[in-house]
Amino acid sequence: MEEKDFDGLLEKVVTIEGVVSTFICSRAGTYIKGEAPKMADRSMYSAITSLAFGTAEQVGHEMNDDLQYVSLNFSKRRLLVLGIGPRHLIGVLADNNVDVQGILEKVRSWL
């Protein structure tokens, strides 16, 4: 997926029921586009998201397995992080009661 396609992807993802916001960052943690939660520093949000994904990805390498996605579960929300190509990640902030597999299937179908 190329950066020119990011706007369309973000527009589609936020229409999924239960999705609160979505953003794209580089695997190095640089914010690219999208929406961070209110009161959050988007640069820090992107950097921490990238760190969480990279850490989980490395654990997968150690186990000779491939990471599918990262889910960070909070009391009110859930942050799903997926790789979208070799250089970027997409973060999807959703309500806790969402159908995670349904969201993942839709997002992957648009990649």
C-alpha atoms as a PDB file:
ATOM      1  CA  MET A   1       0.000   0.000   0.000  1.00  0.00           C
ATOM      2  CA  GLU A   2       1.292   3.439  -0.926  1.00  0.00           C
ATOM      3  CA  GLU A   3       0.937   6.646   1.073  1.00  0.00           C
ATOM      4  CA  LYS A   4      -1.432   8.084  -1.545  1.00  0.00           C
ATOM      5  CA  ASP A   5      -3.927   5.355  -0.541  1.00  0.00           C
ATOM      6  CA  PHE A   6      -3.893   6.187   3.184  1.00  0.00           C
ATOM      7  CA  ASP A   7      -6.692   8.773   3.150  1.00  0.00           C
ATOM      8  CA  GLY A   8      -9.116   6.340   1.525  1.00  0.00           C
ATOM      9  CA  LEU A   9      -8.174   3.564   3.928  1.00  0.00           C
ATOM     10  CA  LEU A  10      -8.663   5.773   6.986  1.00  0.00           C
ATOM     11  CA  GLU A  11     -12.054   6.952   5.680  1.00  0.00           C
ATOM     12  CA  LYS A  12     -13.217   3.340   5.274  1.00  0.00           C
ATOM     13  CA  VAL A  13     -11.938   2.105   8.629  1.00  0.00           C
ATOM     14  CA  VAL A  14     -13.680   4.810  10.681  1.00  0.00           C
ATOM     15  CA  THR A  15     -17.016   3.703   9.204  1.00  0.00           C
ATOM     16  CA  ILE A  16     -16.747   0.281  10.878  1.00  0.00           C
ATOM     17  CA  GLU A  17     -19.179  -0.028  13.766  1.00  0.00           C
ATOM     18  CA  GLY A  18     -17.466   0.488  17.114  1.00  0.00           C
ATOM     19  CA  VAL A  19     -14.354   2.170  15.692  1.00  0.00           C
ATOM     20  CA  VAL A  20     -13.602   5.427  17.508  1.00  0.00           C
ATOM     21  CA  SER A  21     -10.570   6.633  15.557  1.00  0.00           C
ATOM     22  CA  THR A  22      -7.750   5.403  13.379  1.00  0.00           C
ATOM     23  CA  PHE A  23      -4.284   6.573  12.400  1.00  0.00           C
ATOM     24  CA  ILE A  24      -1.252   5.525  10.401  1.00  0.00           C
ATOM     25  CA  CYS A  25       2.336   5.746  11.557  1.00  0.00           C
ATOM     26  CA  SER A  26       5.655   4.491  10.309  1.00  0.00           C
ATOM     27  CA  ARG A  27       7.158   1.369  11.827  1.00  0.00           C
ATOM     28  CA  ALA A  28       9.791   3.750  13.229  1.00  0.00           C
ATOM     29  CA  GLY A  29       7.031   5.563  15.140  1.00  0.00           C
ATOM     30  CA  THR A  30       6.525   8.721  13.095  1.00  0.00           C
ATOM     31  CA  TYR A  31       2.918   9.919  12.905  1.00  0.00           C
ATOM     32  CA  ILE A  32       1.710  10.005   9.275  1.00  0.00           C
ATOM     33  CA  LYS A  33      -2.051  10.741   9.295  1.00  0.00           C
ATOM     34  CA  GLY A  34      -5.279  10.097  11.064  1.00  0.00           C
ATOM     35  CA  GLU A  35      -6.623  10.922  14.476  1.00  0.00           C
ATOM     36  CA  ALA A  36      -5.144  10.447  17.928  1.00  0.00           C
ATOM     37  CA  PRO A  37      -7.364  10.366  21.016  1.00  0.00           C
ATOM     38  CA  LYS A  38      -8.189  13.752  22.513  1.00  0.00           C
ATOM     39  CA  MET A  39      -5.574  14.959  24.977  1.00  0.00           C
ATOM     40  CA  ALA A  40      -2.995  12.549  23.492  1.00  0.00           C
ATOM     41  CA  ASP A  41       0.234  13.764  21.942  1.00  0.00           C
ATOM     42  CA  ARG A  42       0.038  12.168  18.489  1.00  0.00           C
ATOM     43  CA  SER A  43       3.810  11.878  18.143  1.00  0.00           C
ATOM     44  CA  MET A  44       4.081  10.040  21.443  1.00  0.00           C
ATOM     45  CA  TYR A  45       0.991   7.938  20.646  1.00  0.00           C
ATOM     46  CA  SER A  46       2.548   6.848  17.352  1.00  0.00           C
ATOM     47  CA  ALA A  47       5.945   6.152  18.875  1.00  0.00           C
ATOM     48  CA  ILE A  48       4.510   3.991  21.667  1.00  0.00           C
ATOM     49  CA  THR A  49       2.256   2.133  19.210  1.00  0.00           C
ATOM     50  CA  SER A  50       5.250   1.383  17.022  1.00  0.00           C
ATOM     51  CA  LEU A  51       7.268   0.211  20.021  1.00  0.00           C
ATOM     52  CA  ALA A  52       4.478  -2.136  21.160  1.00  0.00           C
ATOM     53  CA  PHE A  53       4.125  -3.617  17.676  1.00  0.00           C
ATOM     54  CA  GLY A  54       7.876  -3.979  17.171  1.00  0.00           C
ATOM     55  CA  THR A  55       8.307  -5.672  20.539  1.00  0.00           C
ATOM     56  CA  ALA A  56       5.532  -8.174  19.838  1.00  0.00           C
ATOM     57  CA  GLU A  57       6.907  -8.766  16.345  1.00  0.00           C
ATOM     58  CA  GLN A  58      10.325  -9.600  17.788  1.00  0.00           C
ATOM     59  CA  VAL A  59       8.777 -12.077  20.228  1.00  0.00           C
ATOM     60  CA  GLY A  60       7.143 -13.734  17.215  1.00  0.00           C
ATOM     61  CA  HIS A  61      10.507 -13.972  15.453  1.00  0.00           C
ATOM     62  CA  GLU A  62      11.998 -15.630  18.535  1.00  0.00           C
ATOM     63  CA  MET A  63       9.188 -18.196  18.405  1.00  0.00           C
ATOM     64  CA  ASN A  64       9.599 -18.682  14.622  1.00  0.00           C
ATOM     65  CA  ASP A  65       6.091 -17.347  14.068  1.00  0.00           C
ATOM     66  CA  ASP A  66       4.594 -14.303  12.343  1.00  0.00           C
ATOM     67  CA  LEU A  67       2.747 -11.586  14.240  1.00  0.00           C
ATOM     68  CA  GLN A  68      -0.802 -11.043  12.965  1.00  0.00           C
ATOM     69  CA  TYR A  69      -1.739  -7.964  15.005  1.00  0.00           C
ATOM     70  CA  VAL A  70      -1.377  -6.401  18.440  1.00  0.00           C
ATOM     71  CA  SER A  71      -4.346  -5.722  20.714  1.00  0.00           C
ATOM     72  CA  LEU A  72      -3.864  -3.358  23.631  1.00  0.00           C
ATOM     73  CA  ASN A  73      -6.895  -3.710  25.895  1.00  0.00           C
ATOM     74  CA  PHE A  74      -7.870  -0.879  28.194  1.00  0.00           C
ATOM     75  CA  SER A  75     -10.847  -0.412  30.501  1.00  0.00           C
ATOM     76  CA  LYS A  76     -12.930   1.488  27.911  1.00  0.00           C
ATOM     77  CA  ARG A  77     -11.187   0.971  24.600  1.00  0.00           C
ATOM     78  CA  ARG A  78      -9.056  -1.432  22.624  1.00  0.00           C
ATOM     79  CA  LEU A  79      -6.218  -0.427  20.286  1.00  0.00           C
ATOM     80  CA  LEU A  80      -5.628  -2.823  17.395  1.00  0.00           C
ATOM     81  CA  VAL A  81      -2.363  -2.407  15.503  1.00  0.00           C
ATOM     82  CA  LEU A  82      -1.674  -4.058  12.152  1.00  0.00           C
ATOM     83  CA  GLY A  83       1.235  -3.873   9.768  1.00  0.00           C
ATOM     84  CA  ILE A  84       0.327  -2.351   6.407  1.00  0.00           C
ATOM     85  CA  GLY A  85       3.356  -3.129   4.335  1.00  0.00           C
ATOM     86  CA  PRO A  86       7.023  -3.045   5.208  1.00  0.00           C
ATOM     87  CA  ARG A  87       7.089   0.572   6.410  1.00  0.00           C
ATOM     88  CA  HIS A  88       3.744   1.416   8.028  1.00  0.00           C
ATOM     89  CA  LEU A  89       1.281   0.473  10.765  1.00  0.00           C
ATOM     90  CA  ILE A  90      -2.382   1.252  11.212  1.00  0.00           C
ATOM     91  CA  GLY A  91      -3.850   1.760  14.655  1.00  0.00           C
ATOM     92  CA  VAL A  92      -7.563   1.268  15.154  1.00  0.00           C
ATOM     93  CA  LEU A  93      -9.034   2.506  18.425  1.00  0.00           C
ATOM     94  CA  ALA A  94     -12.361   0.806  19.101  1.00  0.00           C
ATOM     95  CA  ASP A  95     -14.857   0.215  21.858  1.00  0.00           C
ATOM     96  CA  ASN A  96     -14.150  -2.831  24.016  1.00  0.00           C
ATOM     97  CA  ASN A  97     -17.267  -4.694  22.900  1.00  0.00           C
ATOM     98  CA  VAL A  98     -16.386  -4.765  19.185  1.00  0.00           C
ATOM     99  CA  ASP A  99     -16.003  -7.836  17.000  1.00  0.00           C
ATOM    100  CA  VAL A 100     -12.203  -7.804  16.728  1.00  0.00           C
ATOM    101  CA  GLN A 101     -12.042 -10.505  14.059  1.00  0.00           C
ATOM    102  CA  GLY A 102     -14.663  -8.654  12.011  1.00  0.00           C
ATOM    103  CA  ILE A 103     -12.642  -5.433  12.145  1.00  0.00           C
ATOM    104  CA  LEU A 104      -9.439  -7.238  11.225  1.00  0.00           C
ATOM    105  CA  GLU A 105     -11.068  -8.992   8.271  1.00  0.00           C
ATOM    106  CA  LYS A 106     -12.479  -5.715   6.899  1.00  0.00           C
ATOM    107  CA  VAL A 107      -9.219  -3.809   7.302  1.00  0.00           C
ATOM    108  CA  ARG A 108      -7.186  -6.593   5.701  1.00  0.00           C
ATOM    109  CA  SER A 109      -9.596  -6.779   2.773  1.00  0.00           C
ATOM    110  CA  TRP A 110      -8.885  -3.094   2.051  1.00  0.00           C
ATOM    111  CA  LEU A 111      -5.108  -3.471   2.147  1.00  0.00           C
END
